Every structure is written in C-alpha cells, then in structure tokens.
Amino acid sequence: MFSTIKFGGNICRLRKSADMTQSELADKIGVTRADISRYELGDSFPDVSILVLLAQTFGITTEELINAGEPSPGELKILNGIANGDEVRANAIDDIAGVAPLLKPSVLEKLVDNFSAHGIDISYVVKLAEYLNDKSVMTLLEESTPDKLNEELLGKFVPLLDDRSKSAILQRILDGELDYRFIRVLLPYASYYIDSQVEAAVVEGALPWDALDIMREALAERRERERDD
C-alpha cells in the first residue's frame, strides 16, 4: 500500500540533493513552505498538478516520484495516470481504497463509476465511504456482497450518509436483502419519518414484531445523542 511517509522522505532527500531549502522548493512549485514540510513529513500528499511540478523540478518522471511511496502496481497506475491526465480505470477495488485519501472526491468518484463493483467485499464500501458522495456510496453498497455486512461495518458509514441514502438501506432491509436487525444501527442516525416506515412494515408483515423492540432501543439512543448535541 502507498506510504505517504516514504514518499515524503524521498521528497526531502531530493530537495537536499538539489541544495534547496523548503522555502526555495515551495517558491518553485507555487505552494507554501508549510506545504513542503507536510509533504516531507508524510502528513499531506500533493495535488496531482503539484506532483508534475515536483518531478520536473527534480528532473525525474512522475512514476519515479510516486514509486518512492512503494505503491502497488494498481496504485501506481492510478496515481501516475491521473498525474499525467490519462483516462484511468482501476483493475481492483483495493487499489482504489488504497489511494482514496490522496484523491479529490471528484477524481475518486470517477474511478468508482468506471469500476465494475459487482460482488465487492462490503468492507471496501466502508473504507471509501468518507471520501465519496452519497450517490457513489450507495452504488457500491447496492453492488456489494451483503453476507459480510455486520453492525460494526454498517455503523461506520451510516453517519456519513444523507436521509435518502439511509432510506435506500432501509428498503434493502424491507426487501429482505439485509438483516432486519440492522435497523438498530440505522435508526439512531435516521430522520423520524423512517420510524413510521418501520412500524408500517411490522404491521404489514414485512418485518417481525420484535423489530419494534429493536426500534425502541434505537430511538432511545437517538434521543440520548440529541441531548448530548
């Protein structure tokens, strides 16, 4: 997996070999000295346009520059392709997950849209959720394998979704695609109108009666969280 720390350490070595201060390098590529410091410490990763300027400044290719971070072949393909303005298609969802923190949401969403996500492990949806918009998250969720979904995984990305996306998850529960007990995780973060949907589903027989007990527990958690806020 790509390491920003190893990447940054190489930037530091290249800068020193070129006998430049952080401020001089910053001036050359149009960023601040603080930006250079964060790059070198591995606390931040340059925008792809900055990658190109760094490579030009040090007289190397973007591929050589990126390789210092020891990416997987798939991660290298993604990062180098984006830096060079190529149309990039990922071969594996774990490569997308590995570079997700380094990319702008618009770039990441395009990668996800171009990736055939059928049957992906639900854990990858969780890894990508905080970097994607709700539409992209729901697309991945719909095409993922639900058998590996558990309350811990669901709880990690439900708070990141909007009400429409939460309603889509509830619909999957009502359709029997997801375990009905997942409403325990969903409802504390959902709008109140979803409560009535759960009640109606119980009355109509789409959910078992003990779903009401689960709903009461979830609502108690919601009220407690609202008081804390």
C-alpha atoms as a PDB file:
ATOM      1  CA  MET A   1       0.000   0.000   0.000  1.00  0.00           C
ATOM      2  CA  PHE A   2       1.189   3.503  -0.829  1.00  0.00           C
ATOM      3  CA  SER A   3       3.059   5.173   2.042  1.00  0.00           C
ATOM      4  CA  THR A   4       2.971   8.966   2.278  1.00  0.00           C
ATOM      5  CA  ILE A   5       5.772   8.768   4.863  1.00  0.00           C
ATOM      6  CA  LYS A   6       8.140   7.005   2.455  1.00  0.00           C
ATOM      7  CA  PHE A   7       7.038   9.309  -0.352  1.00  0.00           C
ATOM      8  CA  GLY A   8       7.678  12.358   1.811  1.00  0.00           C
ATOM      9  CA  GLY A   9      11.065  11.099   2.926  1.00  0.00           C
ATOM     10  CA  ASN A  10      12.095  10.868  -0.711  1.00  0.00           C
ATOM     11  CA  ILE A  11      10.937  14.435  -1.383  1.00  0.00           C
ATOM     12  CA  CYS A  12      13.133  15.549   1.492  1.00  0.00           C
ATOM     13  CA  ARG A  13      16.143  13.662   0.108  1.00  0.00           C
ATOM     14  CA  LEU A  14      15.611  15.020  -3.394  1.00  0.00           C
ATOM     15  CA  ARG A  15      15.326  18.578  -2.091  1.00  0.00           C
ATOM     16  CA  LYS A  16      18.517  18.301  -0.073  1.00  0.00           C
ATOM     17  CA  SER A  17      20.376  16.734  -3.003  1.00  0.00           C
ATOM     18  CA  ALA A  18      19.297  19.743  -5.071  1.00  0.00           C
ATOM     19  CA  ASP A  19      20.657  22.030  -2.304  1.00  0.00           C
ATOM     20  CA  MET A  20      17.291  23.757  -1.838  1.00  0.00           C
ATOM     21  CA  THR A  21      15.552  24.983   1.263  1.00  0.00           C
ATOM     22  CA  GLN A  22      11.904  24.176   1.818  1.00  0.00           C
ATOM     23  CA  SER A  23      11.082  27.786   1.002  1.00  0.00           C
ATOM     24  CA  GLU A  24      13.006  27.672  -2.283  1.00  0.00           C
ATOM     25  CA  LEU A  25      11.242  24.492  -3.348  1.00  0.00           C
ATOM     26  CA  ALA A  26       7.906  25.964  -2.332  1.00  0.00           C
ATOM     27  CA  ASP A  27       8.525  29.042  -4.489  1.00  0.00           C
ATOM     28  CA  LYS A  28       9.400  26.883  -7.487  1.00  0.00           C
ATOM     29  CA  ILE A  29       6.190  24.875  -7.432  1.00  0.00           C
ATOM     30  CA  GLY A  30       3.818  27.542  -6.117  1.00  0.00           C
ATOM     31  CA  VAL A  31       2.986  26.276  -2.641  1.00  0.00           C
ATOM     32  CA  THR A  32       3.910  27.395   0.885  1.00  0.00           C
ATOM     33  CA  ARG A  33       6.896  26.282   2.930  1.00  0.00           C
ATOM     34  CA  ALA A  34       4.422  24.702   5.355  1.00  0.00           C
ATOM     35  CA  ASP A  35       3.046  22.613   2.473  1.00  0.00           C
ATOM     36  CA  ILE A  36       6.529  21.297   1.692  1.00  0.00           C
ATOM     37  CA  SER A  37       7.050  20.465   5.344  1.00  0.00           C
ATOM     38  CA  ARG A  38       3.796  18.487   5.443  1.00  0.00           C
ATOM     39  CA  TYR A  39       4.727  16.636   2.242  1.00  0.00           C
ATOM     40  CA  GLU A  40       8.123  15.665   3.636  1.00  0.00           C
ATOM     41  CA  LEU A  41       6.686  14.505   6.957  1.00  0.00           C
ATOM     42  CA  GLY A  42       4.059  12.415   5.199  1.00  0.00           C
ATOM     43  CA  ASP A  43       1.241  14.412   6.771  1.00  0.00           C
ATOM     44  CA  SER A  44      -0.087  15.520   3.391  1.00  0.00           C
ATOM     45  CA  PHE A  45       0.071  14.421  -0.224  1.00  0.00           C
ATOM     46  CA  PRO A  46       0.488  16.873  -3.116  1.00  0.00           C
ATOM     47  CA  ASP A  47      -2.273  17.519  -5.602  1.00  0.00           C
ATOM     48  CA  VAL A  48      -1.567  15.752  -8.892  1.00  0.00           C
ATOM     49  CA  SER A  49      -0.686  19.058 -10.551  1.00  0.00           C
ATOM     50  CA  ILE A  50       1.974  19.580  -7.880  1.00  0.00           C
ATOM     51  CA  LEU A  51       3.312  16.077  -8.458  1.00  0.00           C
ATOM     52  CA  VAL A  52       4.100  17.027 -12.033  1.00  0.00           C
ATOM     53  CA  LEU A  53       5.916  20.196 -10.929  1.00  0.00           C
ATOM     54  CA  LEU A  54       7.908  18.299  -8.308  1.00  0.00           C
ATOM     55  CA  ALA A  55       9.004  15.725 -10.859  1.00  0.00           C
ATOM     56  CA  GLN A  56      10.030  18.454 -13.303  1.00  0.00           C
ATOM     57  CA  THR A  57      11.936  20.313 -10.592  1.00  0.00           C
ATOM     58  CA  PHE A  58      13.957  17.239  -9.661  1.00  0.00           C
ATOM     59  CA  GLY A  59      14.419  16.068 -13.262  1.00  0.00           C
ATOM     60  CA  ILE A  60      12.617  12.746 -12.835  1.00  0.00           C
ATOM     61  CA  THR A  61       9.373  11.223 -14.076  1.00  0.00           C
ATOM     62  CA  THR A  62       6.152  11.270 -12.069  1.00  0.00           C
ATOM     63  CA  GLU A  63       6.333   7.481 -12.000  1.00  0.00           C
ATOM     64  CA  GLU A  64       9.761   7.605 -10.342  1.00  0.00           C
ATOM     65  CA  LEU A  65       8.473  10.149  -7.859  1.00  0.00           C
ATOM     66  CA  ILE A  66       5.385   8.117  -6.957  1.00  0.00           C
ATOM     67  CA  ASN A  67       7.316   4.843  -6.771  1.00  0.00           C
ATOM     68  CA  ALA A  68       9.179   6.150  -3.729  1.00  0.00           C
ATOM     69  CA  GLY A  69       5.950   5.643  -1.787  1.00  0.00           C
ATOM     70  CA  GLU A  70       6.065   1.933  -2.669  1.00  0.00           C
ATOM     71  CA  PRO A  71       2.609   1.725  -4.235  1.00  0.00           C
ATOM     72  CA  SER A  72       1.113  -1.495  -5.509  1.00  0.00           C
ATOM     73  CA  PRO A  73       1.174  -1.777  -9.323  1.00  0.00           C
ATOM     74  CA  GLY A  74      -2.506  -0.833  -9.373  1.00  0.00           C
ATOM     75  CA  GLU A  75      -1.999   2.195  -7.122  1.00  0.00           C
ATOM     76  CA  LEU A  76       0.926   3.334  -9.273  1.00  0.00           C
ATOM     77  CA  LYS A  77      -1.229   3.043 -12.391  1.00  0.00           C
ATOM     78  CA  ILE A  78      -3.939   5.179 -10.807  1.00  0.00           C
ATOM     79  CA  LEU A  79      -1.717   7.911  -9.365  1.00  0.00           C
ATOM     80  CA  ASN A  80       0.625   8.168 -12.342  1.00  0.00           C
ATOM     81  CA  GLY A  81      -2.243   8.114 -14.820  1.00  0.00           C
ATOM     82  CA  ILE A  82      -4.088  10.894 -13.022  1.00  0.00           C
ATOM     83  CA  ALA A  83      -0.903  12.968 -12.727  1.00  0.00           C
ATOM     84  CA  ASN A  84      -0.385  12.684 -16.488  1.00  0.00           C
ATOM     85  CA  GLY A  85      -4.003  13.423 -17.362  1.00  0.00           C
ATOM     86  CA  ASP A  86      -4.754   9.931 -18.668  1.00  0.00           C
ATOM     87  CA  GLU A  87      -8.117   8.184 -18.567  1.00  0.00           C
ATOM     88  CA  VAL A  88      -7.642   5.821 -15.655  1.00  0.00           C
ATOM     89  CA  ARG A  89      -9.557   2.626 -14.947  1.00  0.00           C
ATOM     90  CA  ALA A  90      -8.784   0.649 -11.816  1.00  0.00           C
ATOM     91  CA  ASN A  91      -8.378  -3.115 -12.009  1.00  0.00           C
ATOM     92  CA  ALA A  92      -9.125  -3.809  -8.341  1.00  0.00           C
ATOM     93  CA  ILE A  93     -11.237  -2.132  -5.689  1.00  0.00           C
ATOM     94  CA  ASP A  94      -8.443  -2.463  -3.102  1.00  0.00           C
ATOM     95  CA  ASP A  95      -6.235  -0.245  -5.283  1.00  0.00           C
ATOM     96  CA  ILE A  96      -8.943   2.434  -5.226  1.00  0.00           C
ATOM     97  CA  ALA A  97      -9.281   2.076  -1.453  1.00  0.00           C
ATOM     98  CA  GLY A  98      -5.504   2.374  -1.036  1.00  0.00           C
ATOM     99  CA  VAL A  99      -5.238   5.761  -2.753  1.00  0.00           C
ATOM    100  CA  ALA A 100      -8.661   7.139  -1.745  1.00  0.00           C
ATOM    101  CA  PRO A 101      -7.266   9.503   0.937  1.00  0.00           C
ATOM    102  CA  LEU A 102      -4.915  11.032  -1.659  1.00  0.00           C
ATOM    103  CA  LEU A 103      -7.500  11.961  -4.286  1.00  0.00           C
ATOM    104  CA  LYS A 104     -10.100  14.658  -4.712  1.00  0.00           C
ATOM    105  CA  PRO A 105     -13.682  13.376  -4.344  1.00  0.00           C
ATOM    106  CA  SER A 106     -14.457  14.169  -7.989  1.00  0.00           C
ATOM    107  CA  VAL A 107     -11.489  12.083  -9.182  1.00  0.00           C
ATOM    108  CA  LEU A 108     -12.269   9.242  -6.805  1.00  0.00           C
ATOM    109  CA  GLU A 109     -15.938   9.160  -7.811  1.00  0.00           C
ATOM    110  CA  LYS A 110     -14.957   8.848 -11.460  1.00  0.00           C
ATOM    111  CA  LEU A 111     -12.726   5.893 -10.604  1.00  0.00           C
ATOM    112  CA  VAL A 112     -15.558   4.224  -8.736  1.00  0.00           C
ATOM    113  CA  ASP A 113     -18.035   4.896 -11.551  1.00  0.00           C
ATOM    114  CA  ASN A 114     -15.647   3.260 -14.025  1.00  0.00           C
ATOM    115  CA  PHE A 115     -15.098   0.242 -11.815  1.00  0.00           C
ATOM    116  CA  SER A 116     -17.300  -2.807 -12.097  1.00  0.00           C
ATOM    117  CA  ALA A 117     -18.084  -3.246  -8.415  1.00  0.00           C
ATOM    118  CA  HIS A 118     -20.316  -6.310  -8.644  1.00  0.00           C
ATOM    119  CA  GLY A 119     -19.705  -8.629  -5.738  1.00  0.00           C
ATOM    120  CA  ILE A 120     -17.143  -6.481  -3.923  1.00  0.00           C
ATOM    121  CA  ASP A 121     -16.499  -7.018  -0.243  1.00  0.00           C
ATOM    122  CA  ILE A 122     -18.681  -4.696   1.842  1.00  0.00           C
ATOM    123  CA  SER A 123     -15.608  -3.693   3.875  1.00  0.00           C
ATOM    124  CA  TYR A 124     -14.318  -1.744   0.877  1.00  0.00           C
ATOM    125  CA  VAL A 125     -17.514   0.297   0.832  1.00  0.00           C
ATOM    126  CA  VAL A 126     -16.765   1.304   4.405  1.00  0.00           C
ATOM    127  CA  LYS A 127     -13.195   2.280   3.531  1.00  0.00           C
ATOM    128  CA  LEU A 128     -14.369   4.515   0.690  1.00  0.00           C
ATOM    129  CA  ALA A 129     -17.484   5.980   2.304  1.00  0.00           C
ATOM    130  CA  GLU A 130     -15.841   9.007   3.927  1.00  0.00           C
ATOM    131  CA  TYR A 131     -14.216  10.042   0.643  1.00  0.00           C
ATOM    132  CA  LEU A 132     -17.217   9.635  -1.689  1.00  0.00           C
ATOM    133  CA  ASN A 133     -20.543  11.356  -2.121  1.00  0.00           C
ATOM    134  CA  ASP A 134     -23.684   9.507  -1.053  1.00  0.00           C
ATOM    135  CA  LYS A 135     -24.638   8.505  -4.581  1.00  0.00           C
ATOM    136  CA  SER A 136     -21.329   6.728  -5.126  1.00  0.00           C
ATOM    137  CA  VAL A 137     -21.513   5.042  -1.725  1.00  0.00           C
ATOM    138  CA  MET A 138     -24.993   3.741  -2.461  1.00  0.00           C
ATOM    139  CA  THR A 139     -23.874   2.485  -5.872  1.00  0.00           C
ATOM    140  CA  LEU A 140     -21.131   0.460  -4.222  1.00  0.00           C
ATOM    141  CA  LEU A 141     -23.446  -0.732  -1.477  1.00  0.00           C
ATOM    142  CA  GLU A 142     -26.024  -1.933  -3.985  1.00  0.00           C
ATOM    143  CA  GLU A 143     -23.386  -3.896  -5.890  1.00  0.00           C
ATOM    144  CA  SER A 144     -21.599  -5.316  -2.861  1.00  0.00           C
ATOM    145  CA  THR A 145     -21.957  -8.704  -1.237  1.00  0.00           C
ATOM    146  CA  PRO A 146     -24.169  -8.223   1.830  1.00  0.00           C
ATOM    147  CA  ASP A 147     -23.193 -11.507   3.503  1.00  0.00           C
ATOM    148  CA  LYS A 148     -20.149  -9.898   5.145  1.00  0.00           C
ATOM    149  CA  LEU A 149     -22.034  -6.863   6.426  1.00  0.00           C
ATOM    150  CA  ASN A 150     -22.258  -6.590  10.192  1.00  0.00           C
ATOM    151  CA  GLU A 151     -23.358  -3.928  12.660  1.00  0.00           C
ATOM    152  CA  GLU A 152     -19.824  -2.619  13.161  1.00  0.00           C
ATOM    153  CA  LEU A 153     -19.265  -2.057   9.432  1.00  0.00           C
ATOM    154  CA  LEU A 154     -22.703  -0.539   8.915  1.00  0.00           C
ATOM    155  CA  GLY A 155     -22.226   1.758  11.897  1.00  0.00           C
ATOM    156  CA  LYS A 156     -19.053   3.191  10.396  1.00  0.00           C
ATOM    157  CA  PHE A 157     -20.623   4.647   7.287  1.00  0.00           C
ATOM    158  CA  VAL A 158     -24.305   5.227   8.128  1.00  0.00           C
ATOM    159  CA  PRO A 159     -23.498   8.538   9.929  1.00  0.00           C
ATOM    160  CA  LEU A 160     -21.839   9.766   6.708  1.00  0.00           C
ATOM    161  CA  LEU A 161     -24.939   9.303   4.527  1.00  0.00           C
ATOM    162  CA  ASP A 162     -27.878  11.591   3.813  1.00  0.00           C
ATOM    163  CA  ASP A 163     -31.515  10.685   4.536  1.00  0.00           C
ATOM    164  CA  ARG A 164     -32.159   9.486   1.000  1.00  0.00           C
ATOM    165  CA  SER A 165     -29.292   7.022   1.214  1.00  0.00           C
ATOM    166  CA  LYS A 166     -30.439   5.813   4.637  1.00  0.00           C
ATOM    167  CA  SER A 167     -33.901   5.233   3.197  1.00  0.00           C
ATOM    168  CA  ALA A 168     -32.304   3.156   0.435  1.00  0.00           C
ATOM    169  CA  ILE A 169     -30.611   0.990   3.071  1.00  0.00           C
ATOM    170  CA  LEU A 170     -33.939   0.578   4.881  1.00  0.00           C
ATOM    171  CA  GLN A 171     -35.537  -0.515   1.619  1.00  0.00           C
ATOM    172  CA  ARG A 172     -32.910  -3.237   1.247  1.00  0.00           C
ATOM    173  CA  ILE A 173     -33.822  -4.374   4.750  1.00  0.00           C
ATOM    174  CA  LEU A 174     -37.533  -4.407   3.894  1.00  0.00           C
ATOM    175  CA  ASP A 175     -36.800  -6.347   0.704  1.00  0.00           C
ATOM    176  CA  GLY A 176     -35.013  -8.991   2.739  1.00  0.00           C
ATOM    177  CA  GLU A 177     -31.588  -8.296   1.228  1.00  0.00           C
ATOM    178  CA  LEU A 178     -30.175  -7.151   4.572  1.00  0.00           C
ATOM    179  CA  ASP A 179     -30.811  -8.465   8.080  1.00  0.00           C
ATOM    180  CA  TYR A 180     -33.758  -6.635   9.688  1.00  0.00           C
ATOM    181  CA  ARG A 181     -31.743  -6.261  12.919  1.00  0.00           C
ATOM    182  CA  PHE A 182     -29.599  -3.685  11.133  1.00  0.00           C
ATOM    183  CA  ILE A 183     -32.339  -1.155  11.886  1.00  0.00           C
ATOM    184  CA  ARG A 184     -30.708  -0.988  15.327  1.00  0.00           C
ATOM    185  CA  VAL A 185     -27.719   0.719  13.697  1.00  0.00           C
ATOM    186  CA  LEU A 186     -29.642   2.686  11.090  1.00  0.00           C
ATOM    187  CA  LEU A 187     -32.385   4.378  13.112  1.00  0.00           C
ATOM    188  CA  PRO A 188     -30.251   6.389  15.577  1.00  0.00           C
ATOM    189  CA  TYR A 189     -28.947   8.355  12.586  1.00  0.00           C
ATOM    190  CA  ALA A 190     -32.138   8.442  10.505  1.00  0.00           C
ATOM    191  CA  SER A 191     -34.942  11.003  10.275  1.00  0.00           C
ATOM    192  CA  TYR A 192     -38.130  10.383  12.185  1.00  0.00           C
ATOM    193  CA  TYR A 193     -40.167   9.557   9.085  1.00  0.00           C
ATOM    194  CA  ILE A 194     -38.213   6.302   8.782  1.00  0.00           C
ATOM    195  CA  ASP A 195     -39.617   5.260  12.175  1.00  0.00           C
ATOM    196  CA  SER A 196     -43.130   5.200  10.725  1.00  0.00           C
ATOM    197  CA  GLN A 197     -41.887   3.126   7.791  1.00  0.00           C
ATOM    198  CA  VAL A 198     -40.541   0.515  10.183  1.00  0.00           C
ATOM    199  CA  GLU A 199     -43.802   0.450  12.141  1.00  0.00           C
ATOM    200  CA  ALA A 200     -45.817   0.083   8.941  1.00  0.00           C
ATOM    201  CA  ALA A 201     -43.544  -2.716   7.758  1.00  0.00           C
ATOM    202  CA  VAL A 202     -44.159  -4.611  11.006  1.00  0.00           C
ATOM    203  CA  VAL A 203     -47.937  -4.208  10.707  1.00  0.00           C
ATOM    204  CA  GLU A 204     -47.838  -5.358   7.085  1.00  0.00           C
ATOM    205  CA  GLY A 205     -45.683  -8.366   7.954  1.00  0.00           C
ATOM    206  CA  ALA A 206     -42.558  -7.237   6.105  1.00  0.00           C
ATOM    207  CA  LEU A 207     -40.674  -7.178   9.420  1.00  0.00           C
ATOM    208  CA  PRO A 208     -41.151  -9.378  12.507  1.00  0.00           C
ATOM    209  CA  TRP A 209     -42.752  -7.929  15.632  1.00  0.00           C
ATOM    210  CA  ASP A 210     -39.502  -7.884  17.595  1.00  0.00           C
ATOM    211  CA  ALA A 211     -38.328  -5.210  15.143  1.00  0.00           C
ATOM    212  CA  LEU A 212     -40.411  -2.814  17.272  1.00  0.00           C
ATOM    213  CA  ASP A 213     -38.303  -3.640  20.340  1.00  0.00           C
ATOM    214  CA  ILE A 214     -35.167  -3.021  18.314  1.00  0.00           C
ATOM    215  CA  MET A 215     -36.630   0.262  17.106  1.00  0.00           C
ATOM    216  CA  ARG A 216     -37.335   1.417  20.689  1.00  0.00           C
ATOM    217  CA  GLU A 217     -33.708   0.780  21.640  1.00  0.00           C
ATOM    218  CA  ALA A 218     -32.515   2.711  18.603  1.00  0.00           C
ATOM    219  CA  LEU A 219     -34.807   5.637  19.349  1.00  0.00           C
ATOM    220  CA  ALA A 220     -33.560   5.789  22.921  1.00  0.00           C
ATOM    221  CA  GLU A 221     -30.010   6.054  21.593  1.00  0.00           C
ATOM    222  CA  ARG A 222     -31.085   8.789  19.169  1.00  0.00           C
ATOM    223  CA  ARG A 223     -32.670  10.842  21.971  1.00  0.00           C
ATOM    224  CA  GLU A 224     -29.566  10.440  24.123  1.00  0.00           C
ATOM    225  CA  ARG A 225     -27.325  11.574  21.310  1.00  0.00           C
ATOM    226  CA  GLU A 226     -29.566  14.574  20.584  1.00  0.00           C
ATOM    227  CA  ARG A 227     -29.372  15.621  24.249  1.00  0.00           C
ATOM    228  CA  ASP A 228     -25.577  15.407  24.130  1.00  0.00           C
ATOM    229  CA  ASP A 229     -25.529  17.568  20.990  1.00  0.00           C
END
